[in-house]
């Protein structure tokens, strides 16, 4: 990797191309792609001021404005600062959220350390804009957590011997009840 990075960094035009791509990725002029969840439009946004990203929302009416008013729901940069005090822990990377219809009050938020395939899932309260104390939680593994109903979820994770494939993915799905 070090040899490749060195060779690429020395290529003609590398610095200019890198700076141009970075300016496009950090631009506030990009169109925010949204997902409708309940009464709001949600967007995961990254820019030069929010390198880990913001999960944010606005109303459909406000989204039509030139400069919508966005409300931050979850700030990953702040979460990383609060939870990753030890230097040996990689920052969280957004892996998405799945919200429970039809009320869309609770979501299952997936976060990975450093962008790996393995992630953890935590229950999130959209009204409180906070993780649910003693809510559903799946520890870091290659797996998933999905809503069955308000008090149960489908979970695939490492349940011990024989529960994972040779590539490290879950081969078993169970239903977990709240509590």
C-alpha atoms as a PDB file:
ATOM      1  CA  UNK A   1       0.000   0.000   0.000  1.00  0.00           C
ATOM      2  CA  UNK A   2       2.771   2.445   0.874  1.00  0.00           C
ATOM      3  CA  UNK A   3       4.437   1.896  -2.518  1.00  0.00           C
ATOM      4  CA  UNK A   4       1.116   2.450  -4.324  1.00  0.00           C
ATOM      5  CA  UNK A   5       0.322   5.617  -2.360  1.00  0.00           C
ATOM      6  CA  UNK A   6       3.792   6.993  -3.082  1.00  0.00           C
ATOM      7  CA  UNK A   7       3.525   6.227  -6.817  1.00  0.00           C
ATOM      8  CA  UNK A   8       0.042   7.733  -7.115  1.00  0.00           C
ATOM      9  CA  UNK A   9       0.971  10.844  -5.108  1.00  0.00           C
ATOM     10  CA  UNK A  10       3.932  11.469  -7.423  1.00  0.00           C
ATOM     11  CA  UNK A  11       1.874  11.168 -10.612  1.00  0.00           C
ATOM     12  CA  UNK A  12       1.541  14.355 -12.667  1.00  0.00           C
ATOM     13  CA  UNK A  13      -1.630  16.260 -11.769  1.00  0.00           C
ATOM     14  CA  UNK A  14      -2.310  14.271  -8.578  1.00  0.00           C
ATOM     15  CA  UNK A  15      -2.420  17.262  -6.233  1.00  0.00           C
ATOM     16  CA  UNK A  16      -4.719  19.269  -8.501  1.00  0.00           C
ATOM     17  CA  UNK A  17      -7.059  16.312  -9.071  1.00  0.00           C
ATOM     18  CA  UNK A  18      -7.163  15.467  -5.348  1.00  0.00           C
ATOM     19  CA  UNK A  19      -7.932  19.073  -4.408  1.00  0.00           C
ATOM     20  CA  UNK A  20     -10.652  19.343  -7.081  1.00  0.00           C
ATOM     21  CA  UNK A  21     -12.361  16.104  -5.995  1.00  0.00           C
ATOM     22  CA  UNK A  22     -12.170  17.175  -2.347  1.00  0.00           C
ATOM     23  CA  UNK A  23     -13.752  20.549  -3.207  1.00  0.00           C
ATOM     24  CA  UNK A  24     -16.639  18.810  -4.992  1.00  0.00           C
ATOM     25  CA  UNK A  25     -17.212  16.404  -2.087  1.00  0.00           C
ATOM     26  CA  UNK A  26     -17.071  19.251   0.465  1.00  0.00           C
ATOM     27  CA  UNK A  27     -19.259  21.627  -1.546  1.00  0.00           C
ATOM     28  CA  UNK A  28     -22.429  22.967   0.032  1.00  0.00           C
ATOM     29  CA  UNK A  29     -23.871  23.239  -3.478  1.00  0.00           C
ATOM     30  CA  UNK A  30     -24.513  19.509  -3.863  1.00  0.00           C
ATOM     31  CA  UNK A  31     -28.148  18.407  -3.936  1.00  0.00           C
ATOM     32  CA  UNK A  32     -29.065  16.564  -0.733  1.00  0.00           C
ATOM     33  CA  UNK A  33     -30.542  13.154  -1.521  1.00  0.00           C
ATOM     34  CA  UNK A  34     -33.435  12.534   0.838  1.00  0.00           C
ATOM     35  CA  UNK A  35     -35.541   9.662   2.135  1.00  0.00           C
ATOM     36  CA  UNK A  36     -39.088  10.256   3.371  1.00  0.00           C
ATOM     37  CA  UNK A  37     -39.562   8.861   6.865  1.00  0.00           C
ATOM     38  CA  UNK A  38     -42.893   9.789   8.410  1.00  0.00           C
ATOM     39  CA  UNK A  39     -43.593  13.509   7.986  1.00  0.00           C
ATOM     40  CA  UNK A  40     -39.946  14.474   7.274  1.00  0.00           C
ATOM     41  CA  UNK A  41     -37.305  14.192   4.600  1.00  0.00           C
ATOM     42  CA  UNK A  42     -34.088  12.744   6.039  1.00  0.00           C
ATOM     43  CA  UNK A  43     -30.592  13.109   4.627  1.00  0.00           C
ATOM     44  CA  UNK A  44     -27.132  11.940   5.659  1.00  0.00           C
ATOM     45  CA  UNK A  45     -24.766  14.849   4.975  1.00  0.00           C
ATOM     46  CA  UNK A  46     -20.966  15.072   4.976  1.00  0.00           C
ATOM     47  CA  UNK A  47     -18.880  18.158   4.273  1.00  0.00           C
ATOM     48  CA  UNK A  48     -15.655  19.828   5.398  1.00  0.00           C
ATOM     49  CA  UNK A  49     -17.233  20.793   8.745  1.00  0.00           C
ATOM     50  CA  UNK A  50     -18.817  17.382   9.336  1.00  0.00           C
ATOM     51  CA  UNK A  51     -16.334  14.748   8.197  1.00  0.00           C
ATOM     52  CA  UNK A  52     -18.156  11.859   9.904  1.00  0.00           C
ATOM     53  CA  UNK A  53     -21.539  13.294   8.932  1.00  0.00           C
ATOM     54  CA  UNK A  54     -24.909  14.512  10.123  1.00  0.00           C
ATOM     55  CA  UNK A  55     -28.185  12.656   9.944  1.00  0.00           C
ATOM     56  CA  UNK A  56     -30.641  15.489   9.514  1.00  0.00           C
ATOM     57  CA  UNK A  57     -34.208  16.233   8.521  1.00  0.00           C
ATOM     58  CA  UNK A  58     -36.462  18.895   7.096  1.00  0.00           C
ATOM     59  CA  UNK A  59     -40.095  19.149   6.061  1.00  0.00           C
ATOM     60  CA  UNK A  60     -41.124  18.451   2.463  1.00  0.00           C
ATOM     61  CA  UNK A  61     -42.277  22.078   2.121  1.00  0.00           C
ATOM     62  CA  UNK A  62     -38.966  23.449   3.382  1.00  0.00           C
ATOM     63  CA  UNK A  63     -36.976  21.081   1.168  1.00  0.00           C
ATOM     64  CA  UNK A  64     -38.425  22.934  -1.832  1.00  0.00           C
ATOM     65  CA  UNK A  65     -36.730  26.155  -0.670  1.00  0.00           C
ATOM     66  CA  UNK A  66     -33.369  27.194  -2.042  1.00  0.00           C
ATOM     67  CA  UNK A  67     -31.825  26.836   1.441  1.00  0.00           C
ATOM     68  CA  UNK A  68     -33.871  24.374   3.502  1.00  0.00           C
ATOM     69  CA  UNK A  69     -33.712  24.599   7.275  1.00  0.00           C
ATOM     70  CA  UNK A  70     -32.159  21.310   8.385  1.00  0.00           C
ATOM     71  CA  UNK A  71     -32.583  19.949  11.905  1.00  0.00           C
ATOM     72  CA  UNK A  72     -29.752  17.711  13.106  1.00  0.00           C
ATOM     73  CA  UNK A  73     -30.998  14.357  14.337  1.00  0.00           C
ATOM     74  CA  UNK A  74     -27.628  12.659  14.958  1.00  0.00           C
ATOM     75  CA  UNK A  75     -24.165  14.221  14.702  1.00  0.00           C
ATOM     76  CA  UNK A  76     -21.617  11.453  14.121  1.00  0.00           C
ATOM     77  CA  UNK A  77     -18.676  13.794  14.717  1.00  0.00           C
ATOM     78  CA  UNK A  78     -20.065  14.601  18.188  1.00  0.00           C
ATOM     79  CA  UNK A  79     -20.831  10.916  18.848  1.00  0.00           C
ATOM     80  CA  UNK A  80     -17.269   9.970  17.905  1.00  0.00           C
ATOM     81  CA  UNK A  81     -15.857  12.678  20.187  1.00  0.00           C
ATOM     82  CA  UNK A  82     -18.055  11.539  23.077  1.00  0.00           C
ATOM     83  CA  UNK A  83     -17.543   7.785  22.739  1.00  0.00           C
ATOM     84  CA  UNK A  84     -14.106   7.292  21.184  1.00  0.00           C
ATOM     85  CA  UNK A  85     -11.913   8.792  23.866  1.00  0.00           C
ATOM     86  CA  UNK A  86      -9.370   5.980  23.593  1.00  0.00           C
ATOM     87  CA  UNK A  87      -7.122   6.514  20.581  1.00  0.00           C
ATOM     88  CA  UNK A  88      -7.226   2.849  19.613  1.00  0.00           C
ATOM     89  CA  UNK A  89     -10.916   3.027  18.681  1.00  0.00           C
ATOM     90  CA  UNK A  90     -11.819   3.917  15.097  1.00  0.00           C
ATOM     91  CA  UNK A  91     -14.543   6.470  14.460  1.00  0.00           C
ATOM     92  CA  UNK A  92     -18.065   5.379  13.612  1.00  0.00           C
ATOM     93  CA  UNK A  93     -19.125   5.360   9.982  1.00  0.00           C
ATOM     94  CA  UNK A  94     -22.814   5.630   9.039  1.00  0.00           C
ATOM     95  CA  UNK A  95     -24.284   2.359   7.769  1.00  0.00           C
ATOM     96  CA  UNK A  96     -27.891   3.570   7.668  1.00  0.00           C
ATOM     97  CA  UNK A  97     -31.137   3.539   9.597  1.00  0.00           C
ATOM     98  CA  UNK A  98     -34.340   1.544   9.406  1.00  0.00           C
ATOM     99  CA  UNK A  99     -37.389   3.183  10.962  1.00  0.00           C
ATOM    100  CA  UNK A 100     -40.508   1.399  12.214  1.00  0.00           C
ATOM    101  CA  UNK A 101     -43.695   2.251  10.282  1.00  0.00           C
ATOM    102  CA  UNK A 102     -46.313   3.568  10.503  1.00  0.00           C
ATOM    103  CA  UNK A 103     -45.403   5.969  13.348  1.00  0.00           C
ATOM    104  CA  UNK A 104     -41.689   6.270  12.460  1.00  0.00           C
ATOM    105  CA  UNK A 105     -40.798   7.159  16.046  1.00  0.00           C
ATOM    106  CA  UNK A 106     -38.056   4.562  16.506  1.00  0.00           C
ATOM    107  CA  UNK A 107     -35.208   3.571  14.224  1.00  0.00           C
ATOM    108  CA  UNK A 108     -32.459   0.988  14.187  1.00  0.00           C
ATOM    109  CA  UNK A 109     -29.218   2.833  13.435  1.00  0.00           C
ATOM    110  CA  UNK A 110     -26.249   0.844  12.117  1.00  0.00           C
ATOM    111  CA  UNK A 111     -22.722   2.156  12.753  1.00  0.00           C
ATOM    112  CA  UNK A 112     -19.408   0.576  11.837  1.00  0.00           C
ATOM    113  CA  UNK A 113     -15.980   1.258  13.261  1.00  0.00           C
ATOM    114  CA  UNK A 114     -13.811   2.716  10.544  1.00  0.00           C
ATOM    115  CA  UNK A 115     -16.161   1.592   7.758  1.00  0.00           C
ATOM    116  CA  UNK A 116     -15.681  -2.151   8.165  1.00  0.00           C
ATOM    117  CA  UNK A 117     -18.271  -4.727   7.108  1.00  0.00           C
ATOM    118  CA  UNK A 118     -18.961  -5.431  10.767  1.00  0.00           C
ATOM    119  CA  UNK A 119     -21.241  -2.944  12.458  1.00  0.00           C
ATOM    120  CA  UNK A 120     -23.366  -2.499  15.545  1.00  0.00           C
ATOM    121  CA  UNK A 121     -27.024  -1.541  15.642  1.00  0.00           C
ATOM    122  CA  UNK A 122     -28.705   0.636  18.260  1.00  0.00           C
ATOM    123  CA  UNK A 123     -32.311   1.684  18.780  1.00  0.00           C
ATOM    124  CA  UNK A 124     -32.820   5.419  18.263  1.00  0.00           C
ATOM    125  CA  UNK A 125     -35.730   7.657  19.318  1.00  0.00           C
ATOM    126  CA  UNK A 126     -36.457  10.233  16.594  1.00  0.00           C
ATOM    127  CA  UNK A 127     -38.482  12.489  18.926  1.00  0.00           C
ATOM    128  CA  UNK A 128     -35.776  12.644  21.586  1.00  0.00           C
ATOM    129  CA  UNK A 129     -33.008  12.541  18.966  1.00  0.00           C
ATOM    130  CA  UNK A 130     -31.135  10.085  21.173  1.00  0.00           C
ATOM    131  CA  UNK A 131     -30.319   6.424  21.507  1.00  0.00           C
ATOM    132  CA  UNK A 132     -32.864   4.517  23.600  1.00  0.00           C
ATOM    133  CA  UNK A 133     -31.540   3.575  27.045  1.00  0.00           C
ATOM    134  CA  UNK A 134     -31.791  -0.220  27.308  1.00  0.00           C
ATOM    135  CA  UNK A 135     -33.220  -0.310  23.776  1.00  0.00           C
ATOM    136  CA  UNK A 136     -32.456  -2.905  21.125  1.00  0.00           C
ATOM    137  CA  UNK A 137     -28.719  -3.308  20.621  1.00  0.00           C
ATOM    138  CA  UNK A 138     -26.721  -5.674  18.429  1.00  0.00           C
ATOM    139  CA  UNK A 139     -22.991  -5.725  19.250  1.00  0.00           C
ATOM    140  CA  UNK A 140     -20.437  -5.302  16.500  1.00  0.00           C
ATOM    141  CA  UNK A 141     -20.466  -8.217  14.049  1.00  0.00           C
ATOM    142  CA  UNK A 142     -21.291  -8.969  10.443  1.00  0.00           C
ATOM    143  CA  UNK A 143     -25.049  -9.161  10.738  1.00  0.00           C
ATOM    144  CA  UNK A 144     -28.211  -7.120  10.889  1.00  0.00           C
ATOM    145  CA  UNK A 145     -31.146  -6.029  13.005  1.00  0.00           C
ATOM    146  CA  UNK A 146     -34.566  -5.386  11.450  1.00  0.00           C
ATOM    147  CA  UNK A 147     -37.969  -4.523  12.832  1.00  0.00           C
ATOM    148  CA  UNK A 148     -40.566  -7.248  13.294  1.00  0.00           C
ATOM    149  CA  UNK A 149     -42.853  -5.001  15.353  1.00  0.00           C
ATOM    150  CA  UNK A 150     -42.462  -2.356  18.090  1.00  0.00           C
ATOM    151  CA  UNK A 151     -41.347  -4.935  20.640  1.00  0.00           C
ATOM    152  CA  UNK A 152     -39.397  -7.446  18.579  1.00  0.00           C
ATOM    153  CA  UNK A 153     -36.682  -7.501  15.939  1.00  0.00           C
ATOM    154  CA  UNK A 154     -35.137  -9.979  13.542  1.00  0.00           C
ATOM    155  CA  UNK A 155     -31.450 -10.413  14.323  1.00  0.00           C
ATOM    156  CA  UNK A 156     -28.627 -12.089  12.477  1.00  0.00           C
ATOM    157  CA  UNK A 157     -25.289 -12.074  14.271  1.00  0.00           C
ATOM    158  CA  UNK A 158     -22.629 -14.309  15.793  1.00  0.00           C
ATOM    159  CA  UNK A 159     -24.561 -16.607  18.117  1.00  0.00           C
ATOM    160  CA  UNK A 160     -21.551 -18.869  18.685  1.00  0.00           C
ATOM    161  CA  UNK A 161     -20.256 -22.065  17.135  1.00  0.00           C
ATOM    162  CA  UNK A 162     -21.841 -22.886  13.769  1.00  0.00           C
ATOM    163  CA  UNK A 163     -23.805 -19.635  13.512  1.00  0.00           C
ATOM    164  CA  UNK A 164     -21.476 -17.942  11.011  1.00  0.00           C
ATOM    165  CA  UNK A 165     -20.413 -18.728   7.446  1.00  0.00           C
ATOM    166  CA  UNK A 166     -16.758 -19.248   6.557  1.00  0.00           C
ATOM    167  CA  UNK A 167     -16.670 -15.628   5.332  1.00  0.00           C
ATOM    168  CA  UNK A 168     -17.856 -14.377   8.722  1.00  0.00           C
ATOM    169  CA  UNK A 169     -21.507 -13.607   7.973  1.00  0.00           C
ATOM    170  CA  UNK A 170     -24.461 -14.826  10.007  1.00  0.00           C
ATOM    171  CA  UNK A 171     -26.232 -17.945   8.791  1.00  0.00           C
ATOM    172  CA  UNK A 172     -28.976 -17.834  11.460  1.00  0.00           C
ATOM    173  CA  UNK A 173     -31.799 -15.324  11.966  1.00  0.00           C
ATOM    174  CA  UNK A 174     -33.708 -15.159  15.251  1.00  0.00           C
ATOM    175  CA  UNK A 175     -36.478 -13.035  16.715  1.00  0.00           C
ATOM    176  CA  UNK A 176     -35.521 -11.015  19.788  1.00  0.00           C
ATOM    177  CA  UNK A 177     -38.220  -9.720  22.127  1.00  0.00           C
ATOM    178  CA  UNK A 178     -37.811  -6.381  23.891  1.00  0.00           C
ATOM    179  CA  UNK A 179     -36.220  -6.865  27.327  1.00  0.00           C
END
